[in-house]
């Protein structure tokens, strides 16, 4: 390990997980917000809460998936600090062993 700390973006699957967690948070937060009267006190408040929950779930699922999809296009494989140009060249792969010589027929 080189000992240096590097900031790295989440892998594409990480963005999808964050979107899923946020969508689940919206699912659980909507009834609490409705109970506190955030969506109003009339009979349409339930409808507004349902629309809020559905829109939030779709929004966070799509943002999480979309960010992961977009990040796949920008991922560049990087070498560790120890694998710089100063490292010795790698050995070529070993050659296949030669076949054993055959005995002449009749011996």
C-alpha atoms as a PDB file:
ATOM      1  CA  UNK A   1       0.000   0.000   0.000  1.00  0.00           C
ATOM      2  CA  UNK A   2       1.411   3.366  -0.972  1.00  0.00           C
ATOM      3  CA  UNK A   3       0.087   5.297   2.055  1.00  0.00           C
ATOM      4  CA  UNK A   4      -1.446   8.134   0.052  1.00  0.00           C
ATOM      5  CA  UNK A   5      -5.142   8.921   0.266  1.00  0.00           C
ATOM      6  CA  UNK A   6      -6.995   9.429  -2.987  1.00  0.00           C
ATOM      7  CA  UNK A   7     -10.559  10.577  -3.548  1.00  0.00           C
ATOM      8  CA  UNK A   8     -12.401   8.266  -5.898  1.00  0.00           C
ATOM      9  CA  UNK A   9     -15.891   8.539  -7.298  1.00  0.00           C
ATOM     10  CA  UNK A  10     -18.353   5.827  -6.486  1.00  0.00           C
ATOM     11  CA  UNK A  11     -18.474   2.864  -8.795  1.00  0.00           C
ATOM     12  CA  UNK A  12     -21.574   2.766 -11.011  1.00  0.00           C
ATOM     13  CA  UNK A  13     -23.270   0.272  -8.670  1.00  0.00           C
ATOM     14  CA  UNK A  14     -22.706   2.650  -5.755  1.00  0.00           C
ATOM     15  CA  UNK A  15     -24.775   5.380  -7.394  1.00  0.00           C
ATOM     16  CA  UNK A  16     -27.638   2.945  -7.906  1.00  0.00           C
ATOM     17  CA  UNK A  17     -27.467   1.961  -4.240  1.00  0.00           C
ATOM     18  CA  UNK A  18     -27.536   5.600  -3.134  1.00  0.00           C
ATOM     19  CA  UNK A  19     -30.577   6.199  -5.336  1.00  0.00           C
ATOM     20  CA  UNK A  20     -32.307   3.151  -3.864  1.00  0.00           C
ATOM     21  CA  UNK A  21     -31.595   4.257  -0.305  1.00  0.00           C
ATOM     22  CA  UNK A  22     -32.918   7.757  -1.049  1.00  0.00           C
ATOM     23  CA  UNK A  23     -36.063   6.305  -2.664  1.00  0.00           C
ATOM     24  CA  UNK A  24     -36.697   4.160   0.411  1.00  0.00           C
ATOM     25  CA  UNK A  25     -36.142   7.230   2.607  1.00  0.00           C
ATOM     26  CA  UNK A  26     -38.832   9.097   0.624  1.00  0.00           C
ATOM     27  CA  UNK A  27     -41.152   6.125   1.031  1.00  0.00           C
ATOM     28  CA  UNK A  28     -40.786   6.259   4.830  1.00  0.00           C
ATOM     29  CA  UNK A  29     -40.680  10.074   5.089  1.00  0.00           C
ATOM     30  CA  UNK A  30     -43.938  10.679   3.191  1.00  0.00           C
ATOM     31  CA  UNK A  31     -46.325   9.364   5.900  1.00  0.00           C
ATOM     32  CA  UNK A  32     -44.429  11.351   8.530  1.00  0.00           C
ATOM     33  CA  UNK A  33     -44.658  14.529   6.478  1.00  0.00           C
ATOM     34  CA  UNK A  34     -48.368  13.892   5.843  1.00  0.00           C
ATOM     35  CA  UNK A  35     -48.994  13.357   9.565  1.00  0.00           C
ATOM     36  CA  UNK A  36     -47.336  16.696  10.338  1.00  0.00           C
ATOM     37  CA  UNK A  37     -49.650  18.457   7.868  1.00  0.00           C
ATOM     38  CA  UNK A  38     -46.989  19.332   5.292  1.00  0.00           C
ATOM     39  CA  UNK A  39     -49.334  18.520   2.405  1.00  0.00           C
ATOM     40  CA  UNK A  40     -52.250  20.550   3.792  1.00  0.00           C
ATOM     41  CA  UNK A  41     -55.228  19.816   5.991  1.00  0.00           C
ATOM     42  CA  UNK A  42     -57.921  19.312   3.330  1.00  0.00           C
ATOM     43  CA  UNK A  43     -59.128  16.087   1.705  1.00  0.00           C
ATOM     44  CA  UNK A  44     -56.612  16.423  -1.167  1.00  0.00           C
ATOM     45  CA  UNK A  45     -53.652  16.112   1.196  1.00  0.00           C
ATOM     46  CA  UNK A  46     -53.567  12.314   0.816  1.00  0.00           C
ATOM     47  CA  UNK A  47     -53.473  12.627  -2.971  1.00  0.00           C
ATOM     48  CA  UNK A  48     -50.630  15.170  -2.763  1.00  0.00           C
ATOM     49  CA  UNK A  49     -48.721  12.865  -0.395  1.00  0.00           C
ATOM     50  CA  UNK A  50     -49.108   9.919  -2.786  1.00  0.00           C
ATOM     51  CA  UNK A  51     -47.952  12.026  -5.738  1.00  0.00           C
ATOM     52  CA  UNK A  52     -44.989  13.281  -3.676  1.00  0.00           C
ATOM     53  CA  UNK A  53     -43.983   9.731  -2.711  1.00  0.00           C
ATOM     54  CA  UNK A  54     -44.313   8.343  -6.252  1.00  0.00           C
ATOM     55  CA  UNK A  55     -42.420  11.257  -7.791  1.00  0.00           C
ATOM     56  CA  UNK A  56     -39.666  11.057  -5.161  1.00  0.00           C
ATOM     57  CA  UNK A  57     -39.214   7.318  -5.575  1.00  0.00           C
ATOM     58  CA  UNK A  58     -38.981   7.539  -9.364  1.00  0.00           C
ATOM     59  CA  UNK A  59     -36.742  10.604  -9.165  1.00  0.00           C
ATOM     60  CA  UNK A  60     -34.168   9.009  -6.869  1.00  0.00           C
ATOM     61  CA  UNK A  61     -34.217   5.634  -8.649  1.00  0.00           C
ATOM     62  CA  UNK A  62     -33.650   7.324 -11.991  1.00  0.00           C
ATOM     63  CA  UNK A  63     -31.015   9.754 -10.685  1.00  0.00           C
ATOM     64  CA  UNK A  64     -29.102   6.906  -9.034  1.00  0.00           C
ATOM     65  CA  UNK A  65     -29.285   4.706 -12.106  1.00  0.00           C
ATOM     66  CA  UNK A  66     -28.546   7.608 -14.486  1.00  0.00           C
ATOM     67  CA  UNK A  67     -25.514   8.774 -12.511  1.00  0.00           C
ATOM     68  CA  UNK A  68     -24.117   5.234 -12.486  1.00  0.00           C
ATOM     69  CA  UNK A  69     -24.736   4.883 -16.204  1.00  0.00           C
ATOM     70  CA  UNK A  70     -23.085   8.232 -16.947  1.00  0.00           C
ATOM     71  CA  UNK A  71     -20.089   7.462 -14.743  1.00  0.00           C
ATOM     72  CA  UNK A  72     -19.357   4.292 -16.749  1.00  0.00           C
ATOM     73  CA  UNK A  73     -18.512   6.557 -19.678  1.00  0.00           C
ATOM     74  CA  UNK A  74     -15.950   8.494 -17.646  1.00  0.00           C
ATOM     75  CA  UNK A  75     -14.181   5.686 -15.803  1.00  0.00           C
ATOM     76  CA  UNK A  76     -10.485   5.618 -16.579  1.00  0.00           C
ATOM     77  CA  UNK A  77      -8.288   2.867 -15.239  1.00  0.00           C
ATOM     78  CA  UNK A  78      -5.434   4.327 -13.240  1.00  0.00           C
ATOM     79  CA  UNK A  79      -2.199   2.756 -12.083  1.00  0.00           C
ATOM     80  CA  UNK A  80      -1.156   2.749  -8.456  1.00  0.00           C
ATOM     81  CA  UNK A  81       1.743   4.974  -7.503  1.00  0.00           C
ATOM     82  CA  UNK A  82       4.059   1.941  -7.246  1.00  0.00           C
ATOM     83  CA  UNK A  83       3.335   0.939 -10.859  1.00  0.00           C
ATOM     84  CA  UNK A  84       4.924   4.012 -12.441  1.00  0.00           C
ATOM     85  CA  UNK A  85       7.385   4.062 -15.295  1.00  0.00           C
ATOM     86  CA  UNK A  86      10.230   3.315 -12.870  1.00  0.00           C
ATOM     87  CA  UNK A  87       9.074  -0.251 -12.298  1.00  0.00           C
ATOM     88  CA  UNK A  88      11.055  -3.016 -13.978  1.00  0.00           C
ATOM     89  CA  UNK A  89       9.538  -4.440 -17.150  1.00  0.00           C
ATOM     90  CA  UNK A  90       7.483  -7.566 -16.766  1.00  0.00           C
ATOM     91  CA  UNK A  91       9.000 -10.847 -17.887  1.00  0.00           C
ATOM     92  CA  UNK A  92       7.606 -12.312 -21.079  1.00  0.00           C
ATOM     93  CA  UNK A  93       5.450 -15.405 -20.634  1.00  0.00           C
ATOM     94  CA  UNK A  94       7.352 -18.670 -20.431  1.00  0.00           C
ATOM     95  CA  UNK A  95       7.676 -20.581 -23.679  1.00  0.00           C
ATOM     96  CA  UNK A  96       5.913 -23.921 -24.031  1.00  0.00           C
ATOM     97  CA  UNK A  97       8.190 -26.894 -23.193  1.00  0.00           C
ATOM     98  CA  UNK A  98       9.627 -28.783 -26.122  1.00  0.00           C
ATOM     99  CA  UNK A  99       8.158 -32.229 -26.763  1.00  0.00           C
ATOM    100  CA  UNK A 100      10.256 -35.214 -25.743  1.00  0.00           C
ATOM    101  CA  UNK A 101      12.194 -36.787 -28.631  1.00  0.00           C
ATOM    102  CA  UNK A 102      10.709 -39.991 -30.021  1.00  0.00           C
ATOM    103  CA  UNK A 103      12.613 -43.235 -30.071  1.00  0.00           C
ATOM    104  CA  UNK A 104      13.296 -44.630 -33.471  1.00  0.00           C
ATOM    105  CA  UNK A 105      10.956 -47.443 -34.470  1.00  0.00           C
ATOM    106  CA  UNK A 106      12.330 -50.920 -33.949  1.00  0.00           C
ATOM    107  CA  UNK A 107      14.369 -50.290 -30.811  1.00  0.00           C
END
